[in-house]
Amino acid sequence: MRQWLLAILLSITSVFAHAVDVGGQAPRFKMPGPRGEVALSKSQGQVVLVNFWASWCGPCRKELPELESLYQQHKDKGFTIIGVNIDKERKNADQFIAKFRLSYPIGYDPESKIISAYKGKAMPTSYLLGRDGKVKKIFLGYTKKKFPKMRDDILAEIAR
């Protein structure tokens, strides 16, 4: 019994030890997207919001238009968004990209490898990365009420 409990504790500890935390370096990734390969390394030196979303996620549907607006307003200031879609079927992601006219880079992660590397815990989940590639903030979920704080945190990071 003791060994079993120790094994469980060690496995839980190892999961949290490798979680992406504020202040840590963001895991690099690349993935296919509707407009070609999307890679975190292509955004080096920029403030990046890595946003994990899915077509079946109700809060994502509300957040995506706000993110597109934020991207359009600040993309010329060294800010970008990288959308990471976790749908199993690309057509579902493509329909949302078209519906919301998303112009920022978006890639497909149907096997959830990237979100697993980031240890995403909610849908949507976003990671704000500074120009140094380190995680500055983590945003879990979405509500209309929480979005202004997220926007303010992003703008503060852009201004640094």
N, C-alpha and C. Protein backbone atom coordinates (compact mmCIF):
# COMPACT_ATOMS: atom_id res chain seq x y z
N MET A 1 0.82 -1.19 0.00
CA MET A 1 0.00 0.00 0.00
C MET A 1 0.87 1.26 0.00
N ARG A 2 1.91 1.26 0.82
CA ARG A 2 2.81 2.41 0.89
C ARG A 2 3.49 2.68 -0.45
N GLN A 3 3.95 1.63 -1.08
CA GLN A 3 4.63 1.78 -2.38
C GLN A 3 3.66 2.33 -3.42
N TRP A 4 2.43 1.87 -3.36
CA TRP A 4 1.42 2.33 -4.31
C TRP A 4 1.16 3.81 -4.13
N LEU A 5 1.00 4.27 -2.89
CA LEU A 5 0.79 5.69 -2.61
C LEU A 5 1.99 6.52 -3.03
N LEU A 6 3.19 6.02 -2.78
CA LEU A 6 4.41 6.73 -3.17
C LEU A 6 4.48 6.86 -4.69
N ALA A 7 4.12 5.81 -5.40
CA ALA A 7 4.13 5.86 -6.86
C ALA A 7 3.15 6.91 -7.38
N ILE A 8 1.98 6.98 -6.78
CA ILE A 8 0.99 7.98 -7.19
C ILE A 8 1.51 9.39 -6.91
N LEU A 9 2.05 9.61 -5.72
CA LEU A 9 2.59 10.93 -5.38
C LEU A 9 3.71 11.35 -6.31
N LEU A 10 4.59 10.43 -6.64
CA LEU A 10 5.69 10.75 -7.55
C LEU A 10 5.18 11.09 -8.94
N SER A 11 4.17 10.37 -9.42
CA SER A 11 3.65 10.67 -10.75
C SER A 11 2.95 12.03 -10.76
N ILE A 12 2.22 12.36 -9.71
CA ILE A 12 1.56 13.67 -9.63
C ILE A 12 2.61 14.77 -9.55
N THR A 13 3.64 14.58 -8.75
CA THR A 13 4.70 15.56 -8.60
C THR A 13 5.41 15.78 -9.93
N SER A 14 5.68 14.71 -10.67
CA SER A 14 6.40 14.87 -11.94
C SER A 14 5.56 15.63 -12.96
N VAL A 15 4.24 15.47 -12.93
CA VAL A 15 3.38 16.22 -13.84
C VAL A 15 3.48 17.70 -13.55
N PHE A 16 3.36 18.06 -12.26
CA PHE A 16 3.42 19.47 -11.91
C PHE A 16 4.83 20.04 -12.05
N ALA A 17 5.85 19.24 -11.88
CA ALA A 17 7.22 19.74 -12.00
C ALA A 17 7.52 20.17 -13.43
N HIS A 18 6.84 19.57 -14.39
CA HIS A 18 7.11 19.89 -15.79
C HIS A 18 6.07 20.84 -16.38
N ALA A 19 5.15 21.29 -15.57
CA ALA A 19 4.13 22.22 -16.07
C ALA A 19 4.77 23.55 -16.44
N VAL A 20 4.20 24.21 -17.43
CA VAL A 20 4.68 25.52 -17.83
C VAL A 20 4.17 26.53 -16.80
N ASP A 21 5.08 27.23 -16.19
CA ASP A 21 4.73 28.20 -15.16
C ASP A 21 5.17 29.59 -15.57
N VAL A 22 4.59 30.59 -14.93
CA VAL A 22 5.00 31.96 -15.14
C VAL A 22 6.49 32.07 -14.80
N GLY A 23 7.24 32.69 -15.68
CA GLY A 23 8.67 32.85 -15.50
C GLY A 23 9.49 31.79 -16.22
N GLY A 24 8.84 30.70 -16.60
CA GLY A 24 9.53 29.63 -17.31
C GLY A 24 9.59 29.89 -18.81
N GLN A 25 10.51 29.23 -19.46
CA GLN A 25 10.64 29.32 -20.91
C GLN A 25 9.49 28.56 -21.56
N ALA A 26 8.87 29.16 -22.55
CA ALA A 26 7.76 28.50 -23.26
C ALA A 26 8.31 27.39 -24.15
N PRO A 27 7.68 26.22 -24.12
CA PRO A 27 8.11 25.14 -25.01
C PRO A 27 7.95 25.56 -26.48
N ARG A 28 8.95 25.25 -27.26
CA ARG A 28 8.92 25.53 -28.70
C ARG A 28 8.01 24.51 -29.38
N PHE A 29 7.43 24.90 -30.49
CA PHE A 29 6.59 23.99 -31.26
C PHE A 29 6.50 24.47 -32.70
N LYS A 30 6.11 23.54 -33.55
CA LYS A 30 5.72 23.87 -34.92
C LYS A 30 4.64 22.89 -35.32
N MET A 31 3.76 23.38 -36.20
CA MET A 31 2.61 22.57 -36.59
C MET A 31 2.11 23.06 -37.93
N PRO A 32 1.39 22.22 -38.64
CA PRO A 32 0.80 22.68 -39.90
C PRO A 32 -0.39 23.60 -39.63
N GLY A 33 -0.63 24.50 -40.54
CA GLY A 33 -1.78 25.39 -40.43
C GLY A 33 -2.40 25.61 -41.80
N PRO A 34 -3.53 26.25 -41.85
CA PRO A 34 -4.20 26.46 -43.14
C PRO A 34 -3.42 27.36 -44.10
N ARG A 35 -2.50 28.15 -43.56
CA ARG A 35 -1.69 29.04 -44.40
C ARG A 35 -0.21 28.67 -44.34
N GLY A 36 0.08 27.42 -44.04
CA GLY A 36 1.46 26.96 -43.96
C GLY A 36 1.87 26.65 -42.54
N GLU A 37 3.16 26.33 -42.38
CA GLU A 37 3.68 25.94 -41.07
C GLU A 37 3.63 27.11 -40.09
N VAL A 38 3.23 26.79 -38.87
CA VAL A 38 3.20 27.75 -37.78
C VAL A 38 4.23 27.28 -36.75
N ALA A 39 5.14 28.18 -36.40
CA ALA A 39 6.19 27.83 -35.44
C ALA A 39 6.39 28.99 -34.47
N LEU A 40 6.56 28.66 -33.21
CA LEU A 40 6.81 29.69 -32.21
C LEU A 40 8.09 30.45 -32.53
N SER A 41 9.08 29.77 -33.08
CA SER A 41 10.36 30.42 -33.39
C SER A 41 10.21 31.55 -34.40
N LYS A 42 9.17 31.54 -35.22
CA LYS A 42 8.94 32.61 -36.20
C LYS A 42 8.51 33.92 -35.53
N SER A 43 8.16 33.85 -34.26
CA SER A 43 7.70 35.03 -33.52
C SER A 43 8.74 35.52 -32.52
N GLN A 44 9.97 35.07 -32.69
CA GLN A 44 11.04 35.45 -31.76
C GLN A 44 11.15 36.97 -31.67
N GLY A 45 11.25 37.48 -30.45
CA GLY A 45 11.38 38.92 -30.23
C GLY A 45 10.06 39.65 -30.16
N GLN A 46 8.96 38.94 -30.33
CA GLN A 46 7.64 39.55 -30.24
C GLN A 46 6.96 39.14 -28.93
N VAL A 47 5.95 39.90 -28.56
CA VAL A 47 5.04 39.48 -27.49
C VAL A 47 4.05 38.54 -28.16
N VAL A 48 3.89 37.37 -27.60
CA VAL A 48 3.07 36.33 -28.23
C VAL A 48 2.01 35.85 -27.25
N LEU A 49 0.79 35.73 -27.75
CA LEU A 49 -0.27 35.07 -26.99
C LEU A 49 -0.52 33.73 -27.67
N VAL A 50 -0.15 32.65 -26.99
CA VAL A 50 -0.42 31.30 -27.50
C VAL A 50 -1.79 30.92 -26.95
N ASN A 51 -2.74 30.75 -27.86
CA ASN A 51 -4.14 30.52 -27.47
C ASN A 51 -4.61 29.15 -27.93
N PHE A 52 -4.95 28.30 -26.98
CA PHE A 52 -5.47 26.96 -27.29
C PHE A 52 -6.99 27.03 -27.33
N TRP A 53 -7.57 26.50 -28.42
CA TRP A 53 -9.02 26.58 -28.59
C TRP A 53 -9.53 25.38 -29.39
N ALA A 54 -10.85 25.22 -29.37
CA ALA A 54 -11.50 24.14 -30.12
C ALA A 54 -12.87 24.62 -30.59
N SER A 55 -13.35 24.07 -31.68
CA SER A 55 -14.64 24.49 -32.23
C SER A 55 -15.81 24.12 -31.32
N TRP A 56 -15.66 23.08 -30.51
CA TRP A 56 -16.73 22.64 -29.61
C TRP A 56 -16.79 23.44 -28.30
N CYS A 57 -15.87 24.36 -28.14
CA CYS A 57 -15.74 25.13 -26.90
C CYS A 57 -16.56 26.43 -26.98
N GLY A 58 -17.63 26.50 -26.20
CA GLY A 58 -18.48 27.70 -26.19
C GLY A 58 -17.74 28.98 -25.86
N PRO A 59 -16.95 29.01 -24.78
CA PRO A 59 -16.21 30.22 -24.46
C PRO A 59 -15.21 30.63 -25.56
N CYS A 60 -14.67 29.65 -26.27
CA CYS A 60 -13.74 29.96 -27.38
C CYS A 60 -14.45 30.77 -28.46
N ARG A 61 -15.69 30.41 -28.74
CA ARG A 61 -16.48 31.11 -29.76
C ARG A 61 -16.65 32.59 -29.41
N LYS A 62 -16.73 32.88 -28.13
CA LYS A 62 -16.87 34.27 -27.69
C LYS A 62 -15.52 34.99 -27.66
N GLU A 63 -14.48 34.26 -27.34
CA GLU A 63 -13.16 34.86 -27.21
C GLU A 63 -12.50 35.15 -28.56
N LEU A 64 -12.69 34.29 -29.54
CA LEU A 64 -11.99 34.43 -30.82
C LEU A 64 -12.18 35.79 -31.49
N PRO A 65 -13.40 36.32 -31.58
CA PRO A 65 -13.54 37.65 -32.20
C PRO A 65 -12.81 38.74 -31.42
N GLU A 66 -12.79 38.63 -30.10
CA GLU A 66 -12.07 39.63 -29.30
C GLU A 66 -10.57 39.53 -29.53
N LEU A 67 -10.06 38.32 -29.64
CA LEU A 67 -8.64 38.14 -29.92
C LEU A 67 -8.28 38.68 -31.31
N GLU A 68 -9.13 38.43 -32.29
CA GLU A 68 -8.87 38.96 -33.63
C GLU A 68 -8.80 40.48 -33.61
N SER A 69 -9.72 41.11 -32.90
CA SER A 69 -9.72 42.57 -32.79
C SER A 69 -8.44 43.07 -32.11
N LEU A 70 -8.04 42.42 -31.05
CA LEU A 70 -6.81 42.78 -30.34
C LEU A 70 -5.60 42.63 -31.25
N TYR A 71 -5.56 41.56 -32.00
CA TYR A 71 -4.47 41.32 -32.94
C TYR A 71 -4.41 42.43 -33.99
N GLN A 72 -5.54 42.78 -34.58
CA GLN A 72 -5.57 43.81 -35.61
C GLN A 72 -5.10 45.16 -35.07
N GLN A 73 -5.46 45.46 -33.84
CA GLN A 73 -5.09 46.75 -33.24
C GLN A 73 -3.62 46.85 -32.87
N HIS A 74 -2.96 45.72 -32.60
CA HIS A 74 -1.61 45.77 -32.03
C HIS A 74 -0.55 44.95 -32.77
N LYS A 75 -0.88 44.37 -33.90
CA LYS A 75 0.08 43.53 -34.62
C LYS A 75 1.29 44.32 -35.13
N ASP A 76 1.14 45.61 -35.33
CA ASP A 76 2.26 46.43 -35.80
C ASP A 76 3.15 46.93 -34.67
N LYS A 77 2.85 46.50 -33.44
CA LYS A 77 3.62 46.92 -32.26
C LYS A 77 4.44 45.77 -31.69
N GLY A 78 4.69 44.75 -32.51
CA GLY A 78 5.47 43.61 -32.02
C GLY A 78 4.65 42.61 -31.25
N PHE A 79 3.37 42.49 -31.58
CA PHE A 79 2.46 41.55 -30.91
C PHE A 79 1.87 40.60 -31.93
N THR A 80 1.81 39.34 -31.55
CA THR A 80 1.12 38.36 -32.39
C THR A 80 0.38 37.36 -31.51
N ILE A 81 -0.53 36.68 -32.14
CA ILE A 81 -1.26 35.59 -31.50
C ILE A 81 -0.97 34.34 -32.31
N ILE A 82 -0.75 33.25 -31.64
CA ILE A 82 -0.65 31.95 -32.31
C ILE A 82 -1.78 31.11 -31.76
N GLY A 83 -2.74 30.81 -32.62
CA GLY A 83 -3.85 29.95 -32.24
C GLY A 83 -3.46 28.50 -32.42
N VAL A 84 -3.78 27.69 -31.44
CA VAL A 84 -3.50 26.25 -31.52
C VAL A 84 -4.84 25.55 -31.38
N ASN A 85 -5.32 25.01 -32.49
CA ASN A 85 -6.61 24.33 -32.50
C ASN A 85 -6.41 22.85 -32.20
N ILE A 86 -7.23 22.31 -31.29
CA ILE A 86 -7.07 20.91 -30.89
C ILE A 86 -8.17 20.00 -31.43
N ASP A 87 -8.98 20.49 -32.36
CA ASP A 87 -10.01 19.64 -32.97
C ASP A 87 -9.38 18.45 -33.67
N LYS A 88 -10.07 17.33 -33.63
CA LYS A 88 -9.60 16.13 -34.34
C LYS A 88 -9.77 16.29 -35.86
N GLU A 89 -10.81 17.01 -36.27
CA GLU A 89 -11.11 17.22 -37.68
C GLU A 89 -10.74 18.64 -38.10
N ARG A 90 -9.85 18.78 -39.07
CA ARG A 90 -9.41 20.10 -39.53
C ARG A 90 -10.55 20.93 -40.08
N LYS A 91 -11.53 20.27 -40.69
CA LYS A 91 -12.63 21.03 -41.29
C LYS A 91 -13.38 21.84 -40.23
N ASN A 92 -13.47 21.30 -39.00
CA ASN A 92 -14.14 22.04 -37.92
C ASN A 92 -13.36 23.32 -37.59
N ALA A 93 -12.05 23.21 -37.51
CA ALA A 93 -11.21 24.38 -37.26
C ALA A 93 -11.32 25.37 -38.42
N ASP A 94 -11.24 24.85 -39.63
CA ASP A 94 -11.29 25.72 -40.82
C ASP A 94 -12.59 26.50 -40.90
N GLN A 95 -13.70 25.87 -40.52
CA GLN A 95 -14.98 26.58 -40.52
C GLN A 95 -14.97 27.75 -39.54
N PHE A 96 -14.37 27.55 -38.37
CA PHE A 96 -14.29 28.62 -37.39
C PHE A 96 -13.34 29.73 -37.83
N ILE A 97 -12.23 29.35 -38.43
CA ILE A 97 -11.27 30.34 -38.93
C ILE A 97 -11.96 31.23 -39.95
N ALA A 98 -12.73 30.62 -40.84
CA ALA A 98 -13.46 31.39 -41.85
C ALA A 98 -14.58 32.22 -41.23
N LYS A 99 -15.36 31.61 -40.34
CA LYS A 99 -16.50 32.29 -39.73
C LYS A 99 -16.06 33.55 -38.98
N PHE A 100 -14.97 33.44 -38.23
CA PHE A 100 -14.51 34.57 -37.42
C PHE A 100 -13.44 35.41 -38.12
N ARG A 101 -13.15 35.05 -39.37
CA ARG A 101 -12.16 35.77 -40.19
C ARG A 101 -10.85 35.98 -39.42
N LEU A 102 -10.36 34.89 -38.86
CA LEU A 102 -9.13 34.96 -38.07
C LEU A 102 -7.93 35.08 -38.99
N SER A 103 -7.15 36.13 -38.77
CA SER A 103 -6.02 36.40 -39.66
C SER A 103 -4.67 36.11 -39.01
N TYR A 104 -4.65 35.90 -37.71
CA TYR A 104 -3.37 35.59 -37.06
C TYR A 104 -3.01 34.13 -37.33
N PRO A 105 -1.73 33.77 -37.12
CA PRO A 105 -1.32 32.38 -37.39
C PRO A 105 -2.06 31.38 -36.51
N ILE A 106 -2.56 30.35 -37.15
CA ILE A 106 -3.27 29.27 -36.44
C ILE A 106 -2.76 27.94 -36.99
N GLY A 107 -2.56 27.01 -36.08
CA GLY A 107 -2.12 25.68 -36.49
C GLY A 107 -3.01 24.61 -35.89
N TYR A 108 -2.79 23.41 -36.39
CA TYR A 108 -3.59 22.26 -35.97
C TYR A 108 -2.79 21.37 -35.02
N ASP A 109 -3.39 21.01 -33.91
CA ASP A 109 -2.79 20.09 -32.93
C ASP A 109 -3.81 19.00 -32.59
N PRO A 110 -4.21 18.19 -33.60
CA PRO A 110 -5.29 17.22 -33.39
C PRO A 110 -4.95 16.12 -32.38
N GLU A 111 -3.69 15.88 -32.15
CA GLU A 111 -3.30 14.86 -31.17
C GLU A 111 -2.99 15.47 -29.81
N SER A 112 -3.22 16.78 -29.68
CA SER A 112 -3.03 17.52 -28.42
C SER A 112 -1.61 17.42 -27.87
N LYS A 113 -0.62 17.31 -28.74
CA LYS A 113 0.77 17.23 -28.28
C LYS A 113 1.25 18.57 -27.73
N ILE A 114 0.87 19.66 -28.37
CA ILE A 114 1.36 20.97 -27.94
C ILE A 114 0.68 21.39 -26.65
N ILE A 115 -0.64 21.24 -26.59
CA ILE A 115 -1.33 21.61 -25.35
C ILE A 115 -0.86 20.73 -24.19
N SER A 116 -0.49 19.49 -24.47
CA SER A 116 0.06 18.62 -23.42
C SER A 116 1.41 19.13 -22.94
N ALA A 117 2.23 19.62 -23.87
CA ALA A 117 3.53 20.18 -23.48
C ALA A 117 3.36 21.41 -22.61
N TYR A 118 2.32 22.16 -22.85
CA TYR A 118 2.04 23.37 -22.08
C TYR A 118 1.23 23.07 -20.81
N LYS A 119 0.71 21.87 -20.70
CA LYS A 119 -0.11 21.46 -19.56
C LYS A 119 -1.37 22.32 -19.42
N GLY A 120 -2.01 22.58 -20.57
CA GLY A 120 -3.25 23.34 -20.57
C GLY A 120 -4.30 22.67 -19.71
N LYS A 121 -5.03 23.48 -18.91
CA LYS A 121 -5.96 22.92 -17.94
C LYS A 121 -7.41 23.29 -18.20
N ALA A 122 -7.67 24.17 -19.13
CA ALA A 122 -9.03 24.61 -19.41
C ALA A 122 -9.12 24.94 -20.89
N MET A 123 -10.32 25.16 -21.35
CA MET A 123 -10.51 25.53 -22.75
C MET A 123 -11.39 26.76 -22.78
N PRO A 124 -10.93 27.87 -23.29
CA PRO A 124 -9.58 28.09 -23.84
C PRO A 124 -8.56 28.34 -22.73
N THR A 125 -7.31 28.16 -23.08
CA THR A 125 -6.19 28.54 -22.23
C THR A 125 -5.23 29.33 -23.10
N SER A 126 -4.71 30.43 -22.54
CA SER A 126 -3.75 31.27 -23.28
C SER A 126 -2.53 31.53 -22.41
N TYR A 127 -1.39 31.59 -23.08
CA TYR A 127 -0.12 31.87 -22.43
C TYR A 127 0.45 33.13 -23.05
N LEU A 128 0.70 34.13 -22.23
CA LEU A 128 1.30 35.37 -22.70
C LEU A 128 2.81 35.25 -22.55
N LEU A 129 3.50 35.36 -23.67
CA LEU A 129 4.95 35.24 -23.69
C LEU A 129 5.56 36.61 -23.94
N GLY A 130 6.59 36.93 -23.17
CA GLY A 130 7.32 38.17 -23.38
C GLY A 130 8.26 38.05 -24.57
N ARG A 131 8.88 39.14 -24.92
CA ARG A 131 9.82 39.15 -26.05
C ARG A 131 11.00 38.21 -25.82
N ASP A 132 11.24 37.85 -24.57
CA ASP A 132 12.32 36.92 -24.22
C ASP A 132 11.90 35.45 -24.32
N GLY A 133 10.64 35.20 -24.69
CA GLY A 133 10.14 33.83 -24.83
C GLY A 133 9.69 33.20 -23.52
N LYS A 134 9.71 33.97 -22.45
CA LYS A 134 9.28 33.43 -21.16
C LYS A 134 7.80 33.73 -20.92
N VAL A 135 7.16 32.81 -20.19
CA VAL A 135 5.75 32.94 -19.87
C VAL A 135 5.57 34.05 -18.83
N LYS A 136 4.75 35.05 -19.18
CA LYS A 136 4.49 36.18 -18.29
C LYS A 136 3.17 36.02 -17.55
N LYS A 137 2.17 35.46 -18.22
CA LYS A 137 0.85 35.26 -17.62
C LYS A 137 0.21 34.03 -18.24
N ILE A 138 -0.68 33.40 -17.48
CA ILE A 138 -1.48 32.29 -17.97
C ILE A 138 -2.94 32.64 -17.73
N PHE A 139 -3.74 32.53 -18.78
CA PHE A 139 -5.17 32.85 -18.69
C PHE A 139 -5.97 31.58 -18.91
N LEU A 140 -6.71 31.16 -17.89
CA LEU A 140 -7.53 29.95 -17.97
C LEU A 140 -8.98 30.33 -18.21
N GLY A 141 -9.57 29.76 -19.24
CA GLY A 141 -10.96 30.01 -19.56
C GLY A 141 -11.18 31.41 -20.12
N TYR A 142 -12.44 31.73 -20.32
CA TYR A 142 -12.81 33.04 -20.85
C TYR A 142 -14.17 33.44 -20.31
N THR A 143 -14.27 34.69 -19.90
CA THR A 143 -15.56 35.33 -19.65
C THR A 143 -15.42 36.77 -20.13
N LYS A 144 -16.53 37.35 -20.52
CA LYS A 144 -16.55 38.74 -20.97
C LYS A 144 -15.99 39.65 -19.87
N LYS A 145 -16.27 39.30 -18.64
CA LYS A 145 -15.82 40.11 -17.50
C LYS A 145 -14.30 40.04 -17.30
N LYS A 146 -13.70 38.87 -17.59
CA LYS A 146 -12.26 38.69 -17.40
C LYS A 146 -11.42 39.24 -18.55
N PHE A 147 -12.03 39.42 -19.72
CA PHE A 147 -11.24 39.79 -20.90
C PHE A 147 -10.53 41.15 -20.76
N PRO A 148 -11.15 42.19 -20.18
CA PRO A 148 -10.43 43.47 -20.05
C PRO A 148 -9.11 43.34 -19.28
N LYS A 149 -9.08 42.51 -18.24
CA LYS A 149 -7.83 42.30 -17.49
C LYS A 149 -6.80 41.60 -18.37
N MET A 150 -7.23 40.63 -19.14
CA MET A 150 -6.33 39.94 -20.06
C MET A 150 -5.76 40.93 -21.06
N ARG A 151 -6.63 41.75 -21.65
CA ARG A 151 -6.20 42.76 -22.61
C ARG A 151 -5.20 43.73 -21.97
N ASP A 152 -5.48 44.18 -20.76
CA ASP A 152 -4.58 45.11 -20.07
C ASP A 152 -3.21 44.47 -19.82
N ASP A 153 -3.20 43.20 -19.44
CA ASP A 153 -1.93 42.50 -19.22
C ASP A 153 -1.14 42.39 -20.52
N ILE A 154 -1.82 42.12 -21.62
CA ILE A 154 -1.17 42.03 -22.92
C ILE A 154 -0.60 43.37 -23.32
N LEU A 155 -1.39 44.44 -23.18
CA LEU A 155 -0.94 45.79 -23.55
C LEU A 155 0.25 46.23 -22.69
N ALA A 156 0.24 45.87 -21.42
CA ALA A 156 1.37 46.22 -20.54
C ALA A 156 2.64 45.50 -21.01
N GLU A 157 2.49 44.27 -21.45
CA GLU A 157 3.66 43.52 -21.93
C GLU A 157 4.17 44.10 -23.25
N ILE A 158 3.28 44.50 -24.13
CA ILE A 158 3.67 45.12 -25.40
C ILE A 158 4.46 46.41 -25.12
N ALA A 159 4.03 47.17 -24.12
CA ALA A 159 4.65 48.47 -23.80
C ALA A 159 6.03 48.34 -23.17
N ARG A 160 6.39 47.16 -22.68
CA ARG A 160 7.71 46.99 -22.02
C ARG A 160 8.84 47.13 -23.00
